[in-house]
Protein backbone atom coordinates (compact mmCIF):
# COMPACT_ATOMS: atom_id res chain seq x y z
CA MET A 1 -35.59 -2.51 47.77
CA ARG A 2 -31.87 -1.25 48.36
CA LEU A 3 -30.39 -4.49 47.05
CA LYS A 4 -32.56 -4.95 44.00
CA PHE A 5 -31.41 -1.23 42.95
CA LEU A 6 -27.70 -2.02 43.60
CA ASN A 7 -28.23 -5.38 41.45
CA ALA A 8 -29.86 -3.36 38.68
CA LEU A 9 -26.79 -1.15 38.78
CA LYS A 10 -24.34 -4.00 38.68
CA ALA A 11 -26.14 -5.33 35.76
CA LEU A 12 -26.32 -2.28 34.00
CA PHE A 13 -22.60 -1.63 34.35
CA PHE A 14 -21.89 -5.15 33.43
CA CYS A 15 -23.92 -4.67 30.08
CA LEU A 16 -22.27 -1.19 29.25
CA GLY A 17 -18.71 -3.02 29.89
CA MET A 18 -19.89 -6.01 27.13
CA VAL A 19 -21.16 -3.38 24.66
CA THR A 20 -18.62 -0.86 24.58
CA PRO A 21 -15.81 -3.02 23.36
CA PHE A 22 -18.01 -4.27 20.57
CA SER A 23 -19.28 -0.63 19.99
CA SER A 24 -15.78 0.34 19.44
CA VAL A 25 -15.10 -2.63 17.12
CA SER A 26 -17.75 -1.87 15.04
CA ALA A 27 -16.94 1.77 14.67
CA GLN A 28 -13.38 0.78 13.44
CA TRP A 29 -15.06 -1.53 11.14
CA GLU A 30 -17.21 1.11 9.81
CA ASN A 31 -14.32 3.54 9.28
CA THR A 32 -12.11 0.54 7.44
CA GLN A 33 -12.33 0.00 3.99
CA PHE A 34 -10.30 -2.55 1.97
CA HIS A 35 -9.06 -3.34 -1.65
CA LEU A 36 -7.51 -5.89 -3.63
CA GLY A 37 -5.97 -6.04 -7.16
CA GLY A 38 -2.77 -6.23 -9.30
CA SER A 39 0.37 -3.85 -9.64
CA TYR A 40 2.67 -3.43 -12.35
CA ASP A 41 5.80 -2.32 -10.78
CA PHE A 42 9.43 -0.99 -12.04
CA LEU A 43 12.63 -0.66 -10.59
CA ARG A 44 14.92 1.46 -11.96
CA ILE A 45 18.69 0.38 -11.03
CA GLN A 46 21.67 3.24 -11.76
CA ALA A 47 25.32 3.66 -11.35
CA PRO A 48 27.95 5.54 -12.88
CA GLY A 49 27.82 4.34 -16.87
CA PHE A 50 25.17 1.68 -16.11
CA GLN A 51 21.37 1.48 -15.83
CA THR A 52 18.83 -1.04 -15.88
CA PHE A 53 15.13 -1.89 -15.06
CA ALA A 54 13.56 -4.63 -13.53
CA ASN A 55 9.70 -5.18 -13.97
CA TYR A 56 7.04 -7.32 -11.68
CA PHE A 57 3.50 -8.21 -11.89
CA THR A 58 2.26 -8.27 -8.24
CA VAL A 59 -0.72 -9.04 -6.08
CA SER A 60 -1.80 -6.10 -4.11
CA GLY A 61 -3.65 -5.45 -1.03
CA GLY A 62 -4.45 -2.89 1.60
CA ALA A 63 -6.74 -0.68 3.53
CA HIS A 64 -8.07 2.39 4.41
CA TYR A 65 -8.65 3.51 7.85
CA VAL A 66 -10.69 6.75 7.82
CA PHE A 67 -10.03 8.82 10.97
CA TRP A 68 -11.75 12.34 9.69
CA GLN A 69 -14.60 12.80 7.03
CA SER A 70 -16.76 15.73 6.23
CA ASN A 71 -20.20 14.50 5.06
CA ASP A 72 -18.79 11.49 3.27
CA GLN A 73 -17.52 13.76 0.40
CA VAL A 74 -13.68 14.19 2.04
CA SER A 75 -11.75 11.93 4.01
CA LEU A 76 -8.30 11.70 5.36
CA SER A 77 -7.08 7.89 5.88
CA VAL A 78 -4.08 5.85 6.91
CA ASN A 79 -3.80 3.46 3.88
CA PRO A 80 -1.25 0.67 4.71
CA ASN A 81 -0.82 -1.95 1.65
CA ALA A 82 1.47 -4.86 0.43
CA SER A 83 2.40 -6.18 -2.41
CA LEU A 84 3.99 -9.54 -3.84
CA GLY A 85 5.44 -10.16 -7.07
CA VAL A 86 7.74 -12.57 -9.28
CA SER A 87 9.12 -12.45 -12.74
CA PHE A 88 10.85 -14.93 -14.78
CA ASN A 89 13.78 -15.29 -16.96
CA ASN A 90 14.85 -18.47 -19.26
CA PHE A 91 18.55 -17.72 -18.09
CA THR A 92 18.20 -17.29 -14.57
CA GLY A 93 14.81 -18.43 -13.09
CA LEU A 94 12.53 -16.59 -10.89
CA SER A 95 13.09 -13.37 -9.52
CA PHE A 96 11.09 -11.90 -6.21
CA PHE A 97 9.94 -8.55 -5.36
CA GLY A 98 7.83 -7.43 -2.64
CA GLN A 99 6.89 -4.06 -0.62
CA ALA A 100 4.89 -2.39 2.02
CA PRO A 101 3.76 1.10 1.08
CA VAL A 102 2.13 2.86 3.85
CA PHE A 103 0.08 6.62 2.86
CA ALA A 104 -1.73 9.20 4.50
CA MET A 105 -4.40 9.58 2.06
CA MET A 106 -6.75 12.58 1.10
CA ARG A 107 -9.57 11.29 -1.04
CA VAL A 108 -12.73 13.44 -2.50
CA GLY A 109 -15.90 11.89 -4.15
CA ALA A 110 -16.35 8.41 -4.72
CA ALA A 111 -15.01 5.89 -2.00
CA SER A 112 -13.74 8.55 0.17
CA THR A 113 -16.03 6.72 2.79
CA LYS A 114 -18.00 3.45 2.62
CA TYR A 115 -21.27 5.64 2.30
CA ASN A 116 -20.34 8.02 -0.52
CA GLN A 117 -22.15 7.32 -3.74
CA GLN A 118 -20.54 9.67 -6.25
CA ARG A 119 -19.49 8.14 -9.46
CA PHE A 120 -16.09 9.40 -9.49
CA GLY A 121 -13.55 10.49 -7.05
CA ALA A 122 -9.72 11.12 -6.67
CA GLY A 123 -6.97 10.80 -4.11
CA PHE A 124 -3.55 11.92 -2.91
CA GLY A 125 -1.31 10.68 -0.60
CA ALA A 126 2.40 10.59 0.59
CA GLY A 127 4.24 8.34 3.05
CA PHE A 128 7.00 5.90 2.98
CA VAL A 129 7.44 2.74 0.94
CA TYR A 130 9.73 -0.37 1.91
CA ALA A 131 10.73 -3.04 -0.65
CA TYR A 132 12.74 -6.06 -0.72
CA VAL A 133 14.28 -7.12 -4.09
CA HIS A 134 15.85 -10.50 -5.26
CA GLU A 135 16.30 -9.93 -9.04
CA LYS A 136 18.54 -12.50 -10.59
CA GLY A 137 18.38 -10.70 -14.34
CA ILE A 138 20.98 -8.20 -13.86
CA ILE A 139 23.52 -8.30 -16.81
CA ALA A 140 26.74 -6.23 -16.50
CA ASN A 141 30.19 -6.82 -17.87
CA ASN A 142 28.66 -9.78 -19.91
CA ARG A 143 27.69 -11.60 -16.84
CA PHE A 144 24.58 -12.18 -15.03
CA TYR A 145 24.51 -11.16 -11.43
CA THR A 146 21.63 -11.58 -8.44
CA LEU A 147 20.87 -8.24 -6.90
CA GLU A 148 19.32 -8.68 -3.44
CA SER A 149 18.71 -5.54 -1.28
CA ASN A 150 16.21 -3.94 0.97
CA ILE A 151 15.00 -0.26 0.16
CA VAL A 152 12.97 2.35 2.21
CA ASN A 153 12.20 5.23 0.48
CA PRO A 154 9.57 8.38 0.90
CA ALA A 155 6.72 8.02 -2.01
CA VAL A 156 3.74 9.70 -3.34
CA ALA A 157 0.49 8.19 -4.60
CA ALA A 158 -2.25 9.62 -7.12
CA GLN A 159 -5.19 8.00 -7.92
CA ILE A 160 -8.82 8.00 -9.63
CA THR A 161 -11.76 5.89 -8.54
CA PHE A 162 -14.98 4.99 -10.67
CA GLN A 163 -17.86 3.88 -8.72
CA ASN A 164 -21.20 2.34 -10.02
CA ASP A 165 -24.08 0.35 -8.73
CA PHE A 166 -21.84 -3.20 -8.69
CA ARG A 167 -18.08 -2.11 -8.00
CA ILE A 168 -15.74 0.55 -7.20
CA LEU A 169 -12.38 0.19 -8.99
CA THR A 170 -9.24 2.60 -8.28
CA VAL A 171 -6.39 3.23 -10.67
CA ARG A 172 -3.41 4.60 -8.72
CA ALA A 173 0.09 5.51 -9.80
CA TYR A 174 2.83 5.83 -7.16
CA THR A 175 6.64 6.65 -7.32
CA SER A 176 9.47 6.92 -4.90
CA LEU A 177 10.50 10.73 -4.22
CA LEU A 178 14.16 10.15 -3.81
CA SER A 179 16.76 7.63 -4.96
CA TYR A 180 17.81 5.05 -2.54
CA SER A 181 21.80 4.29 -2.69
CA ALA A 182 23.44 1.21 -1.41
CA PRO A 183 26.83 -0.81 -2.43
CA PHE A 184 26.51 -3.47 -5.09
CA ILE A 185 29.74 -5.26 -4.21
CA GLU A 186 29.57 -7.88 -6.82
CA ILE A 187 29.79 -5.43 -9.54
CA TYR A 188 31.34 -2.11 -9.23
CA GLY A 189 33.19 -2.90 -5.34
CA ASN A 190 31.89 -0.31 -3.09
CA ASP A 191 30.48 2.10 -5.56
CA PRO A 192 26.91 2.72 -4.65
CA PHE A 193 23.75 2.10 -6.85
CA ASN A 194 20.49 4.23 -6.87
CA TYR A 195 17.52 2.45 -7.02
CA ASP A 196 14.02 4.02 -7.77
CA MET A 197 10.56 2.60 -7.84
CA PHE A 198 7.04 3.62 -9.51
CA GLY A 199 4.27 1.76 -10.68
CA ILE A 200 0.74 1.60 -11.22
CA SER A 201 -2.12 -0.63 -9.34
CA LEU A 202 -5.99 -1.72 -10.52
CA LEU A 203 -7.65 -2.03 -7.21
CA TYR A 204 -11.12 -3.39 -6.48
CA ASN A 205 -12.83 -1.70 -3.24
CA PHE A 206 -15.01 -3.62 -0.89
């Protein structure tokens, strides 16, 4: 009898050991929302007596991991994203742009969690963005130059979300908070250039 009892306990602990990881994964999955869409991104490049813009259409994706929510009406989430885009110039060819923003987001209303059914929602986030730029279309001193730089900036984002029975769409605007300064030796020696980024996204939530 005692042996049967011990074997039953062993079986119970084995089952709990198997269930716990799956329960943990299931809970994390329930707290995670994904989105995919497109963005139009601008990069402003400034130096004394010089200013130009580079713009890119990008494919964007990301996720929200909700770590706090209240009645599925308000939520706080970690929101990592990634975007990759190109632009084409007949004179210089392809330029590339990639970025990886990470925001801490507060969302209210639609899509604040997977279970929210409201029609409209809004959100605000703050964090950092890393970007890689390889831009061939910089014109200065009557010449074309290639700008290649890695940029890290604090950034903010604001968004509105529309939800109906078939889809959840989010319109997001974001911008860097500070100019990032780095030398661009090819044009102005060691004089620093300032880079600012801003853009707008249309995202499909699923």
